Amino acid sequence: RPDVRHHVSFGGGTHYCVGAPLAKVELEVAFGALARRVPRLIVDEGADFDRLESLVFRGVNRLPVSF
């Protein structure tokens, strides 16, 4: 739908995504591997990160990092 701009990710209620638990575990494993492989990865101090505008979800659209 062209008038809907917000991402609803895993849905909600009876329409909640069946694969959501797997996706969450995959992200946990991926970020864990990234942290082990790039131990000096840090969020840029003073960087302006773009917060996700949503009443339902928390997060950021962009998070500048350096290593």
PDB file of N, CA and C in Angstrom:
ATOM      1  N   ARG A   1       0.839  -1.180   0.000  1.00  0.00           N
ATOM      2  CA  ARG A   1       0.000   0.000   0.000  1.00  0.00           C
ATOM      3  C   ARG A   1       0.880   1.238   0.000  1.00  0.00           C
ATOM      4  N   PRO A   2       0.734   2.102  -0.960  1.00  0.00           N
ATOM      5  CA  PRO A   2       1.612   3.266  -1.069  1.00  0.00           C
ATOM      6  C   PRO A   2       1.467   4.273   0.064  1.00  0.00           C
ATOM      7  N   ASP A   3       0.330   4.339   0.729  1.00  0.00           N
ATOM      8  CA  ASP A   3       0.144   5.337   1.782  1.00  0.00           C
ATOM      9  C   ASP A   3       0.715   4.901   3.131  1.00  0.00           C
ATOM     10  N   VAL A   4       1.171   3.670   3.253  1.00  0.00           N
ATOM     11  CA  VAL A   4       1.725   3.168   4.510  1.00  0.00           C
ATOM     12  C   VAL A   4       3.252   3.242   4.435  1.00  0.00           C
ATOM     13  N   ARG A   5       3.868   4.036   5.321  1.00  0.00           N
ATOM     14  CA  ARG A   5       5.313   4.215   5.285  1.00  0.00           C
ATOM     15  C   ARG A   5       6.036   3.438   6.378  1.00  0.00           C
ATOM     16  N   HIS A   6       5.326   3.031   7.403  1.00  0.00           N
ATOM     17  CA  HIS A   6       5.987   2.392   8.541  1.00  0.00           C
ATOM     18  C   HIS A   6       6.075   0.876   8.352  1.00  0.00           C
ATOM     19  N   HIS A   7       7.234   0.367   8.675  1.00  0.00           N
ATOM     20  CA  HIS A   7       7.501  -1.062   8.587  1.00  0.00           C
ATOM     21  C   HIS A   7       6.874  -1.750   9.796  1.00  0.00           C
ATOM     22  N   VAL A   8       6.138  -2.806   9.610  1.00  0.00           N
ATOM     23  CA  VAL A   8       5.510  -3.508  10.727  1.00  0.00           C
ATOM     24  C   VAL A   8       6.243  -4.791  11.083  1.00  0.00           C
ATOM     25  N   SER A   9       7.364  -5.025  10.504  1.00  0.00           N
ATOM     26  CA  SER A   9       8.267  -6.124  10.788  1.00  0.00           C
ATOM     27  C   SER A   9       7.572  -7.456  10.965  1.00  0.00           C
ATOM     28  N   PHE A  10       7.367  -7.923  12.160  1.00  0.00           N
ATOM     29  CA  PHE A  10       6.815  -9.269  12.362  1.00  0.00           C
ATOM     30  C   PHE A  10       5.294  -9.292  12.501  1.00  0.00           C
ATOM     31  N   GLY A  11       4.639  -8.189  12.292  1.00  0.00           N
ATOM     32  CA  GLY A  11       3.185  -8.151  12.393  1.00  0.00           C
ATOM     33  C   GLY A  11       2.720  -8.110  13.836  1.00  0.00           C
ATOM     34  N   GLY A  12       1.534  -8.588  14.078  1.00  0.00           N
ATOM     35  CA  GLY A  12       1.001  -8.586  15.437  1.00  0.00           C
ATOM     36  C   GLY A  12      -0.265  -9.415  15.536  1.00  0.00           C
ATOM     37  N   GLY A  13      -0.597  -9.786  16.747  1.00  0.00           N
ATOM     38  CA  GLY A  13      -1.818 -10.548  16.995  1.00  0.00           C
ATOM     39  C   GLY A  13      -1.825 -11.885  16.280  1.00  0.00           C
ATOM     40  N   THR A  14      -2.955 -12.200  15.682  1.00  0.00           N
ATOM     41  CA  THR A  14      -3.087 -13.482  14.983  1.00  0.00           C
ATOM     42  C   THR A  14      -2.253 -13.518  13.702  1.00  0.00           C
ATOM     43  N   HIS A  15      -1.780 -12.356  13.256  1.00  0.00           N
ATOM     44  CA  HIS A  15      -0.981 -12.280  12.035  1.00  0.00           C
ATOM     45  C   HIS A  15       0.510 -12.179  12.333  1.00  0.00           C
ATOM     46  N   TYR A  16       0.897 -12.534  13.558  1.00  0.00           N
ATOM     47  CA  TYR A  16       2.307 -12.468  13.937  1.00  0.00           C
ATOM     48  C   TYR A  16       3.105 -13.505  13.139  1.00  0.00           C
ATOM     49  N   CYS A  17       4.276 -13.120  12.684  1.00  0.00           N
ATOM     50  CA  CYS A  17       5.097 -13.963  11.824  1.00  0.00           C
ATOM     51  C   CYS A  17       5.543 -15.250  12.517  1.00  0.00           C
ATOM     52  N   VAL A  18       5.333 -16.376  11.865  1.00  0.00           N
ATOM     53  CA  VAL A  18       5.727 -17.670  12.405  1.00  0.00           C
ATOM     54  C   VAL A  18       7.256 -17.772  12.497  1.00  0.00           C
ATOM     55  N   GLY A  19       7.975 -17.100  11.603  1.00  0.00           N
ATOM     56  CA  GLY A  19       9.429 -17.163  11.577  1.00  0.00           C
ATOM     57  C   GLY A  19      10.126 -16.149  12.475  1.00  0.00           C
ATOM     58  N   ALA A  20       9.382 -15.361  13.232  1.00  0.00           N
ATOM     59  CA  ALA A  20       9.976 -14.319  14.076  1.00  0.00           C
ATOM     60  C   ALA A  20      10.993 -14.862  15.077  1.00  0.00           C
ATOM     61  N   PRO A  21      10.709 -15.942  15.799  1.00  0.00           N
ATOM     62  CA  PRO A  21      11.707 -16.444  16.749  1.00  0.00           C
ATOM     63  C   PRO A  21      13.022 -16.845  16.073  1.00  0.00           C
ATOM     64  N   LEU A  22      12.945 -17.470  14.900  1.00  0.00           N
ATOM     65  CA  LEU A  22      14.144 -17.846  14.164  1.00  0.00           C
ATOM     66  C   LEU A  22      14.924 -16.601  13.732  1.00  0.00           C
ATOM     67  N   ALA A  23      14.225 -15.598  13.227  1.00  0.00           N
ATOM     68  CA  ALA A  23      14.881 -14.361  12.795  1.00  0.00           C
ATOM     69  C   ALA A  23      15.597 -13.688  13.956  1.00  0.00           C
ATOM     70  N   LYS A  24      14.984 -13.683  15.125  1.00  0.00           N
ATOM     71  CA  LYS A  24      15.604 -13.067  16.307  1.00  0.00           C
ATOM     72  C   LYS A  24      16.862 -13.827  16.726  1.00  0.00           C
ATOM     73  N   VAL A  25      16.823 -15.145  16.673  1.00  0.00           N
ATOM     74  CA  VAL A  25      18.008 -15.944  17.012  1.00  0.00           C
ATOM     75  C   VAL A  25      19.108 -15.704  15.986  1.00  0.00           C
ATOM     76  N   GLU A  26      18.749 -15.633  14.715  1.00  0.00           N
ATOM     77  CA  GLU A  26      19.740 -15.375  13.670  1.00  0.00           C
ATOM     78  C   GLU A  26      20.428 -14.028  13.883  1.00  0.00           C
ATOM     79  N   LEU A  27      19.668 -13.005  14.250  1.00  0.00           N
ATOM     80  CA  LEU A  27      20.258 -11.691  14.523  1.00  0.00           C
ATOM     81  C   LEU A  27      21.177 -11.736  15.738  1.00  0.00           C
ATOM     82  N   GLU A  28      20.777 -12.456  16.767  1.00  0.00           N
ATOM     83  CA  GLU A  28      21.620 -12.584  17.961  1.00  0.00           C
ATOM     84  C   GLU A  28      22.951 -13.247  17.612  1.00  0.00           C
ATOM     85  N   VAL A  29      22.908 -14.290  16.809  1.00  0.00           N
ATOM     86  CA  VAL A  29      24.129 -14.991  16.391  1.00  0.00           C
ATOM     87  C   VAL A  29      24.986 -14.076  15.510  1.00  0.00           C
ATOM     88  N   ALA A  30      24.352 -13.367  14.571  1.00  0.00           N
ATOM     89  CA  ALA A  30      25.091 -12.490  13.662  1.00  0.00           C
ATOM     90  C   ALA A  30      25.778 -11.356  14.413  1.00  0.00           C
ATOM     91  N   PHE A  31      25.076 -10.704  15.327  1.00  0.00           N
ATOM     92  CA  PHE A  31      25.686  -9.608  16.080  1.00  0.00           C
ATOM     93  C   PHE A  31      26.752 -10.119  17.041  1.00  0.00           C
ATOM     94  N   GLY A  32      26.571 -11.312  17.570  1.00  0.00           N
ATOM     95  CA  GLY A  32      27.600 -11.916  18.421  1.00  0.00           C
ATOM     96  C   GLY A  32      28.874 -12.184  17.628  1.00  0.00           C
ATOM     97  N   ALA A  33      28.720 -12.718  16.417  1.00  0.00           N
ATOM     98  CA  ALA A  33      29.877 -12.975  15.553  1.00  0.00           C
ATOM     99  C   ALA A  33      30.565 -11.675  15.169  1.00  0.00           C
ATOM    100  N   LEU A  34      29.790 -10.654  14.866  1.00  0.00           N
ATOM    101  CA  LEU A  34      30.366  -9.345  14.530  1.00  0.00           C
ATOM    102  C   LEU A  34      31.164  -8.786  15.707  1.00  0.00           C
ATOM    103  N   ALA A  35      30.629  -8.887  16.896  1.00  0.00           N
ATOM    104  CA  ALA A  35      31.327  -8.383  18.088  1.00  0.00           C
ATOM    105  C   ALA A  35      32.626  -9.144  18.349  1.00  0.00           C
ATOM    106  N   ARG A  36      32.628 -10.448  18.076  1.00  0.00           N
ATOM    107  CA  ARG A  36      33.857 -11.231  18.270  1.00  0.00           C
ATOM    108  C   ARG A  36      34.898 -10.919  17.197  1.00  0.00           C
ATOM    109  N   ARG A  37      34.464 -10.706  15.974  1.00  0.00           N
ATOM    110  CA  ARG A  37      35.394 -10.479  14.861  1.00  0.00           C
ATOM    111  C   ARG A  37      35.905  -9.043  14.789  1.00  0.00           C
ATOM    112  N   VAL A  38      35.129  -8.111  15.295  1.00  0.00           N
ATOM    113  CA  VAL A  38      35.532  -6.696  15.284  1.00  0.00           C
ATOM    114  C   VAL A  38      35.392  -6.169  16.716  1.00  0.00           C
ATOM    115  N   PRO A  39      36.310  -6.577  17.603  1.00  0.00           N
ATOM    116  CA  PRO A  39      36.164  -6.233  19.020  1.00  0.00           C
ATOM    117  C   PRO A  39      36.270  -4.740  19.312  1.00  0.00           C
ATOM    118  N   ARG A  40      36.866  -3.974  18.414  1.00  0.00           N
ATOM    119  CA  ARG A  40      37.008  -2.532  18.637  1.00  0.00           C
ATOM    120  C   ARG A  40      35.866  -1.722  18.030  1.00  0.00           C
ATOM    121  N   LEU A  41      34.820  -2.382  17.594  1.00  0.00           N
ATOM    122  CA  LEU A  41      33.682  -1.703  17.004  1.00  0.00           C
ATOM    123  C   LEU A  41      32.999  -0.849  18.071  1.00  0.00           C
ATOM    124  N   ILE A  42      32.918   0.455  17.830  1.00  0.00           N
ATOM    125  CA  ILE A  42      32.284   1.356  18.792  1.00  0.00           C
ATOM    126  C   ILE A  42      31.358   2.317  18.058  1.00  0.00           C
ATOM    127  N   VAL A  43      30.367   2.788  18.783  1.00  0.00           N
ATOM    128  CA  VAL A  43      29.479   3.812  18.243  1.00  0.00           C
ATOM    129  C   VAL A  43      30.253   5.115  18.219  1.00  0.00           C
ATOM    130  N   ASP A  44      30.213   5.821  17.089  1.00  0.00           N
ATOM    131  CA  ASP A  44      30.924   7.087  16.960  1.00  0.00           C
ATOM    132  C   ASP A  44      30.443   8.076  18.012  1.00  0.00           C
ATOM    133  N   GLU A  45      31.368   8.560  18.810  1.00  0.00           N
ATOM    134  CA  GLU A  45      31.036   9.510  19.875  1.00  0.00           C
ATOM    135  C   GLU A  45      30.559  10.818  19.258  1.00  0.00           C
ATOM    136  N   GLY A  46      29.445  11.294  19.718  1.00  0.00           N
ATOM    137  CA  GLY A  46      28.892  12.533  19.212  1.00  0.00           C
ATOM    138  C   GLY A  46      28.192  12.419  17.873  1.00  0.00           C
ATOM    139  N   ALA A  47      28.132  11.213  17.329  1.00  0.00           N
ATOM    140  CA  ALA A  47      27.479  11.017  16.027  1.00  0.00           C
ATOM    141  C   ALA A  47      25.973  11.176  16.178  1.00  0.00           C
ATOM    142  N   ASP A  48      25.370  11.687  15.164  1.00  0.00           N
ATOM    143  CA  ASP A  48      23.930  11.871  15.153  1.00  0.00           C
ATOM    144  C   ASP A  48      23.295  10.639  14.511  1.00  0.00           C
ATOM    145  N   PHE A  49      22.664   9.798  15.326  1.00  0.00           N
ATOM    146  CA  PHE A  49      22.021   8.619  14.749  1.00  0.00           C
ATOM    147  C   PHE A  49      20.534   8.881  14.584  1.00  0.00           C
ATOM    148  N   ASP A  50      19.977   8.248  13.615  1.00  0.00           N
ATOM    149  CA  ASP A  50      18.608   8.460  13.196  1.00  0.00           C
ATOM    150  C   ASP A  50      17.693   7.454  13.884  1.00  0.00           C
ATOM    151  N   ARG A  51      16.885   7.928  14.826  1.00  0.00           N
ATOM    152  CA  ARG A  51      15.962   7.033  15.538  1.00  0.00           C
ATOM    153  C   ARG A  51      14.787   6.635  14.649  1.00  0.00           C
ATOM    154  N   LEU A  52      14.322   5.421  14.862  1.00  0.00           N
ATOM    155  CA  LEU A  52      13.149   4.912  14.168  1.00  0.00           C
ATOM    156  C   LEU A  52      11.917   5.607  14.747  1.00  0.00           C
ATOM    157  N   GLU A  53      11.103   6.195  13.906  1.00  0.00           N
ATOM    158  CA  GLU A  53       9.894   6.878  14.367  1.00  0.00           C
ATOM    159  C   GLU A  53       8.723   5.899  14.359  1.00  0.00           C
ATOM    160  N   SER A  54       8.411   5.351  15.540  1.00  0.00           N
ATOM    161  CA  SER A  54       7.342   4.367  15.643  1.00  0.00           C
ATOM    162  C   SER A  54       6.808   4.331  17.064  1.00  0.00           C
ATOM    163  N   LEU A  55       5.535   4.104  17.206  1.00  0.00           N
ATOM    164  CA  LEU A  55       4.934   3.936  18.517  1.00  0.00           C
ATOM    165  C   LEU A  55       5.011   2.485  18.972  1.00  0.00           C
ATOM    166  N   VAL A  56       5.315   1.589  18.053  1.00  0.00           N
ATOM    167  CA  VAL A  56       5.311   0.158  18.329  1.00  0.00           C
ATOM    168  C   VAL A  56       6.723  -0.402  18.496  1.00  0.00           C
ATOM    169  N   PHE A  57       7.663   0.060  17.685  1.00  0.00           N
ATOM    170  CA  PHE A  57       9.007  -0.517  17.673  1.00  0.00           C
ATOM    171  C   PHE A  57      10.040   0.481  18.171  1.00  0.00           C
ATOM    172  N   ARG A  58      11.119  -0.052  18.746  1.00  0.00           N
ATOM    173  CA  ARG A  58      12.246   0.775  19.162  1.00  0.00           C
ATOM    174  C   ARG A  58      13.426   0.426  18.290  1.00  0.00           C
ATOM    175  N   GLY A  59      14.237   1.421  17.962  1.00  0.00           N
ATOM    176  CA  GLY A  59      15.410   1.138  17.161  1.00  0.00           C
ATOM    177  C   GLY A  59      15.923   2.377  16.461  1.00  0.00           C
ATOM    178  N   VAL A  60      16.871   2.146  15.588  1.00  0.00           N
ATOM    179  CA  VAL A  60      17.454   3.238  14.825  1.00  0.00           C
ATOM    180  C   VAL A  60      17.486   2.861  13.344  1.00  0.00           C
ATOM    181  N   ASN A  61      17.404   3.876  12.505  1.00  0.00           N
ATOM    182  CA  ASN A  61      17.538   3.669  11.063  1.00  0.00           C
ATOM    183  C   ASN A  61      18.999   3.671  10.649  1.00  0.00           C
ATOM    184  N   ARG A  62      19.812   4.454  11.376  1.00  0.00           N
ATOM    185  CA  ARG A  62      21.225   4.602  11.050  1.00  0.00           C
ATOM    186  C   ARG A  62      21.991   4.776  12.348  1.00  0.00           C
ATOM    187  N   LEU A  63      23.077   4.017  12.508  1.00  0.00           N
ATOM    188  CA  LEU A  63      23.916   4.087  13.700  1.00  0.00           C
ATOM    189  C   LEU A  63      25.375   4.089  13.271  1.00  0.00           C
ATOM    190  N   PRO A  64      26.000   5.266  13.189  1.00  0.00           N
ATOM    191  CA  PRO A  64      27.397   5.345  12.742  1.00  0.00           C
ATOM    192  C   PRO A  64      28.349   4.681  13.746  1.00  0.00           C
ATOM    193  N   VAL A  65      29.221   3.809  13.239  1.00  0.00           N
ATOM    194  CA  VAL A  65      30.201   3.130  14.078  1.00  0.00           C
ATOM    195  C   VAL A  65      31.589   3.253  13.439  1.00  0.00           C
ATOM    196  N   SER A  66      32.600   2.999  14.235  1.00  0.00           N
ATOM    197  CA  SER A  66      33.961   2.965  13.707  1.00  0.00           C
ATOM    198  C   SER A  66      34.718   1.830  14.374  1.00  0.00           C
ATOM    199  N   PHE A  67      35.833   1.449  13.772  1.00  0.00           N
ATOM    200  CA  PHE A  67      36.662   0.382  14.334  1.00  0.00           C
ATOM    201  C   PHE A  67      38.099   0.605  13.942  1.00  0.00           C
TER     202      PHE A  67
END
